[in-house]
């Protein structure tokens, strides 16, 4: 199958290829001189995991980021926020 790149950097994917995959969104990456399209379902947890993996972000990195963010907000401020949301 052949696809031509337009002057606006757009590709029209061959109908036969699109009918086999049936996806609306694709993650795009390069491998050497190749462009690789991977179907992505934006509505699910799988899409998030695929994106994180593509970015090289491990589960331990995400946990570390959450812990870091929690240490940046003082504990007394967190408890005040919880109390103010309960009062509403």
N, C-alpha and C. Protein backbone atom coordinates (compact mmCIF):
# COMPACT_ATOMS: atom_id res chain seq x y z
N UNK A 1 0.85 -1.18 0.00
CA UNK A 1 0.00 0.00 0.00
C UNK A 1 0.89 1.24 0.00
N UNK A 2 0.39 2.27 -0.62
CA UNK A 2 1.17 3.49 -0.77
C UNK A 2 0.34 4.68 -0.32
N UNK A 3 0.95 5.61 0.40
CA UNK A 3 0.29 6.85 0.82
C UNK A 3 1.22 8.00 0.48
N UNK A 4 0.64 9.11 -0.01
CA UNK A 4 1.44 10.26 -0.41
C UNK A 4 1.32 11.37 0.62
N UNK A 5 2.45 11.96 0.98
CA UNK A 5 2.49 13.10 1.89
C UNK A 5 2.21 14.37 1.10
N UNK A 6 1.23 15.16 1.56
CA UNK A 6 0.89 16.40 0.86
C UNK A 6 1.80 17.53 1.31
N UNK A 7 1.66 18.68 0.66
CA UNK A 7 2.46 19.85 1.03
C UNK A 7 2.10 20.36 2.42
N UNK A 8 0.95 19.94 2.94
CA UNK A 8 0.50 20.35 4.28
C UNK A 8 0.80 19.26 5.32
N UNK A 9 1.71 18.35 5.00
CA UNK A 9 2.10 17.24 5.90
C UNK A 9 0.92 16.35 6.27
N UNK A 10 0.04 16.10 5.34
CA UNK A 10 -1.09 15.22 5.58
C UNK A 10 -0.96 13.95 4.75
N UNK A 11 -1.42 12.85 5.32
CA UNK A 11 -1.44 11.57 4.62
C UNK A 11 -2.87 11.08 4.52
N UNK A 12 -3.23 10.49 3.40
CA UNK A 12 -4.49 9.78 3.29
C UNK A 12 -4.15 8.30 3.38
N UNK A 13 -4.68 7.66 4.40
CA UNK A 13 -4.38 6.25 4.60
C UNK A 13 -5.20 5.40 3.64
N UNK A 14 -4.63 4.35 3.10
CA UNK A 14 -5.37 3.47 2.19
C UNK A 14 -6.61 2.88 2.88
N UNK A 15 -7.71 2.85 2.14
CA UNK A 15 -8.98 2.38 2.69
C UNK A 15 -8.86 0.96 3.26
N UNK A 16 -8.14 0.09 2.58
CA UNK A 16 -8.00 -1.29 3.04
C UNK A 16 -7.33 -1.35 4.42
N UNK A 17 -6.35 -0.51 4.65
CA UNK A 17 -5.66 -0.50 5.94
C UNK A 17 -6.58 0.04 7.03
N UNK A 18 -7.30 1.11 6.74
CA UNK A 18 -8.19 1.73 7.72
C UNK A 18 -9.34 0.79 8.09
N UNK A 19 -9.86 0.07 7.12
CA UNK A 19 -10.97 -0.86 7.39
C UNK A 19 -10.53 -2.01 8.30
N UNK A 20 -9.29 -2.42 8.22
CA UNK A 20 -8.80 -3.50 9.08
C UNK A 20 -8.62 -3.04 10.52
N UNK A 21 -8.25 -1.79 10.73
CA UNK A 21 -7.94 -1.30 12.07
C UNK A 21 -9.13 -0.64 12.73
N UNK A 22 -9.87 0.15 12.00
CA UNK A 22 -11.07 0.86 12.48
C UNK A 22 -10.80 1.66 13.76
N UNK A 23 -9.85 2.57 13.70
CA UNK A 23 -9.56 3.46 14.83
C UNK A 23 -9.66 4.90 14.34
N UNK A 24 -10.04 5.79 15.25
CA UNK A 24 -10.14 7.21 14.90
C UNK A 24 -8.85 7.96 15.24
N UNK A 25 -8.15 7.51 16.28
CA UNK A 25 -6.92 8.17 16.71
C UNK A 25 -5.76 7.18 16.71
N UNK A 26 -4.58 7.72 16.42
CA UNK A 26 -3.37 6.90 16.36
C UNK A 26 -2.24 7.59 17.11
N UNK A 27 -1.48 6.82 17.87
CA UNK A 27 -0.24 7.33 18.46
C UNK A 27 0.81 7.23 17.35
N UNK A 28 1.63 8.26 17.22
CA UNK A 28 2.63 8.31 16.15
C UNK A 28 4.02 8.32 16.77
N UNK A 29 4.89 7.45 16.25
CA UNK A 29 6.28 7.45 16.69
C UNK A 29 7.16 7.10 15.49
N UNK A 30 8.42 7.36 15.62
CA UNK A 30 9.35 7.01 14.55
C UNK A 30 10.27 5.90 15.02
N UNK A 31 10.63 5.06 14.09
CA UNK A 31 11.61 3.99 14.31
C UNK A 31 12.58 4.05 13.15
N UNK A 32 13.72 4.68 13.39
CA UNK A 32 14.67 4.88 12.31
C UNK A 32 14.06 5.76 11.24
N UNK A 33 13.95 5.24 10.03
CA UNK A 33 13.37 5.99 8.91
C UNK A 33 11.88 5.68 8.71
N UNK A 34 11.26 4.98 9.65
CA UNK A 34 9.85 4.61 9.52
C UNK A 34 8.97 5.41 10.47
N UNK A 35 7.75 5.68 10.04
CA UNK A 35 6.73 6.29 10.89
C UNK A 35 5.76 5.18 11.26
N UNK A 36 5.53 4.99 12.55
CA UNK A 36 4.67 3.90 13.03
C UNK A 36 3.41 4.49 13.64
N UNK A 37 2.25 4.05 13.15
CA UNK A 37 0.96 4.47 13.69
C UNK A 37 0.40 3.32 14.53
N UNK A 38 -0.01 3.63 15.76
CA UNK A 38 -0.60 2.63 16.64
C UNK A 38 -1.99 3.10 17.03
N UNK A 39 -3.03 2.29 16.78
CA UNK A 39 -4.39 2.71 17.15
C UNK A 39 -4.50 2.98 18.64
N UNK A 40 -5.24 4.04 18.99
CA UNK A 40 -5.42 4.43 20.39
C UNK A 40 -6.90 4.66 20.65
N UNK A 41 -7.39 4.10 21.76
CA UNK A 41 -8.75 4.37 22.22
C UNK A 41 -8.63 5.43 23.31
N UNK A 42 -9.01 6.66 23.02
CA UNK A 42 -8.80 7.76 23.95
C UNK A 42 -9.65 7.68 25.20
N UNK A 43 -10.70 6.89 25.21
CA UNK A 43 -11.60 6.88 26.34
C UNK A 43 -11.22 5.95 27.47
N UNK A 44 -10.19 5.15 27.32
CA UNK A 44 -9.94 4.14 28.33
C UNK A 44 -8.61 4.25 29.03
N UNK A 45 -8.49 3.46 30.06
CA UNK A 45 -7.26 3.38 30.83
C UNK A 45 -6.12 2.86 29.97
N UNK A 46 -6.43 1.99 29.03
CA UNK A 46 -5.39 1.46 28.15
C UNK A 46 -4.67 2.57 27.40
N UNK A 47 -5.42 3.59 26.96
CA UNK A 47 -4.82 4.70 26.22
C UNK A 47 -3.81 5.44 27.10
N UNK A 48 -4.15 5.62 28.35
CA UNK A 48 -3.24 6.31 29.28
C UNK A 48 -1.98 5.47 29.47
N UNK A 49 -2.14 4.18 29.66
CA UNK A 49 -0.99 3.30 29.86
C UNK A 49 -0.10 3.26 28.62
N UNK A 50 -0.72 3.24 27.44
CA UNK A 50 0.05 3.24 26.20
C UNK A 50 0.85 4.53 26.07
N UNK A 51 0.21 5.65 26.37
CA UNK A 51 0.88 6.95 26.26
C UNK A 51 2.03 7.06 27.26
N UNK A 52 1.80 6.64 28.51
CA UNK A 52 2.86 6.69 29.51
C UNK A 52 4.04 5.80 29.10
N UNK A 53 3.73 4.63 28.58
CA UNK A 53 4.79 3.72 28.13
C UNK A 53 5.57 4.34 26.97
N UNK A 54 4.85 4.98 26.05
CA UNK A 54 5.51 5.63 24.92
C UNK A 54 6.44 6.75 25.37
N UNK A 55 6.06 7.41 26.46
CA UNK A 55 6.88 8.49 27.00
C UNK A 55 7.99 7.99 27.92
N UNK A 56 7.98 6.68 28.19
CA UNK A 56 8.99 6.10 29.06
C UNK A 56 8.74 6.36 30.54
N UNK A 57 7.47 6.60 30.90
CA UNK A 57 7.11 6.87 32.29
C UNK A 57 6.61 5.58 32.93
N UNK A 58 7.32 5.10 33.93
CA UNK A 58 6.95 3.86 34.62
C UNK A 58 5.97 4.15 35.75
N UNK A 59 5.33 3.11 36.25
CA UNK A 59 4.39 3.25 37.36
C UNK A 59 5.08 3.84 38.58
N UNK A 60 6.33 3.47 38.80
CA UNK A 60 7.07 4.02 39.95
C UNK A 60 7.32 5.52 39.77
N UNK A 61 7.49 5.97 38.53
CA UNK A 61 7.65 7.41 38.27
C UNK A 61 6.38 8.17 38.63
N UNK A 62 5.23 7.60 38.27
CA UNK A 62 3.95 8.25 38.58
C UNK A 62 3.74 8.33 40.09
N UNK A 63 4.06 7.25 40.79
CA UNK A 63 3.93 7.26 42.26
C UNK A 63 4.85 8.31 42.88
N UNK A 64 6.06 8.39 42.38
CA UNK A 64 7.02 9.38 42.89
C UNK A 64 6.52 10.80 42.64
N UNK A 65 5.89 11.03 41.49
CA UNK A 65 5.36 12.36 41.18
C UNK A 65 4.23 12.73 42.12
N UNK A 66 3.35 11.78 42.42
CA UNK A 66 2.25 12.04 43.36
C UNK A 66 2.81 12.34 44.75
N UNK A 67 3.76 11.56 45.19
CA UNK A 67 4.37 11.80 46.51
C UNK A 67 5.05 13.16 46.56
N UNK A 68 5.74 13.53 45.49
CA UNK A 68 6.41 14.83 45.43
C UNK A 68 5.37 15.95 45.54
N UNK A 69 4.27 15.82 44.78
CA UNK A 69 3.23 16.86 44.81
C UNK A 69 2.61 16.97 46.20
N UNK A 70 2.42 15.86 46.85
CA UNK A 70 1.83 15.88 48.19
C UNK A 70 2.75 16.55 49.21
N UNK A 71 4.05 16.43 49.04
CA UNK A 71 4.97 17.07 49.98
C UNK A 71 5.05 18.57 49.76
N UNK A 72 4.63 19.05 48.60
CA UNK A 72 4.69 20.48 48.31
C UNK A 72 3.51 21.23 48.93
N UNK A 73 2.48 20.53 49.35
CA UNK A 73 1.31 21.15 49.97
C UNK A 73 1.33 20.81 51.46
N UNK A 74 1.49 21.80 52.33
CA UNK A 74 1.57 21.52 53.77
C UNK A 74 0.35 20.75 54.27
N UNK A 75 0.59 19.87 55.24
CA UNK A 75 -0.49 19.02 55.77
C UNK A 75 -1.60 19.85 56.38
N UNK A 76 -1.28 20.95 57.07
CA UNK A 76 -2.35 21.75 57.68
C UNK A 76 -3.21 22.41 56.61
N UNK A 77 -2.64 22.73 55.47
CA UNK A 77 -3.43 23.32 54.39
C UNK A 77 -4.37 22.28 53.79
N UNK A 78 -3.91 21.05 53.68
CA UNK A 78 -4.76 19.98 53.16
C UNK A 78 -5.96 19.77 54.08
N UNK A 79 -5.73 19.72 55.38
CA UNK A 79 -6.84 19.50 56.31
C UNK A 79 -7.83 20.66 56.27
N UNK A 80 -7.35 21.89 56.10
CA UNK A 80 -8.25 23.04 55.97
C UNK A 80 -9.09 22.93 54.72
N UNK A 81 -8.49 22.46 53.62
CA UNK A 81 -9.24 22.29 52.38
C UNK A 81 -10.33 21.24 52.55
N UNK A 82 -10.03 20.15 53.24
CA UNK A 82 -11.02 19.11 53.47
C UNK A 82 -12.18 19.64 54.30
N UNK A 83 -11.85 20.43 55.34
CA UNK A 83 -12.91 20.99 56.19
C UNK A 83 -13.78 21.96 55.39
N UNK A 84 -13.18 22.78 54.54
CA UNK A 84 -13.96 23.77 53.80
C UNK A 84 -14.87 23.10 52.77
N UNK A 85 -14.47 21.97 52.21
CA UNK A 85 -15.33 21.28 51.25
C UNK A 85 -16.48 20.57 51.96
N UNK A 86 -16.25 20.13 53.19
CA UNK A 86 -17.34 19.48 53.95
C UNK A 86 -18.39 20.50 54.35
N UNK A 87 -17.98 21.73 54.63
CA UNK A 87 -18.92 22.75 55.10
C UNK A 87 -19.87 23.19 54.00
N UNK A 88 -19.48 23.00 52.75
CA UNK A 88 -20.31 23.47 51.62
C UNK A 88 -21.41 22.56 51.33
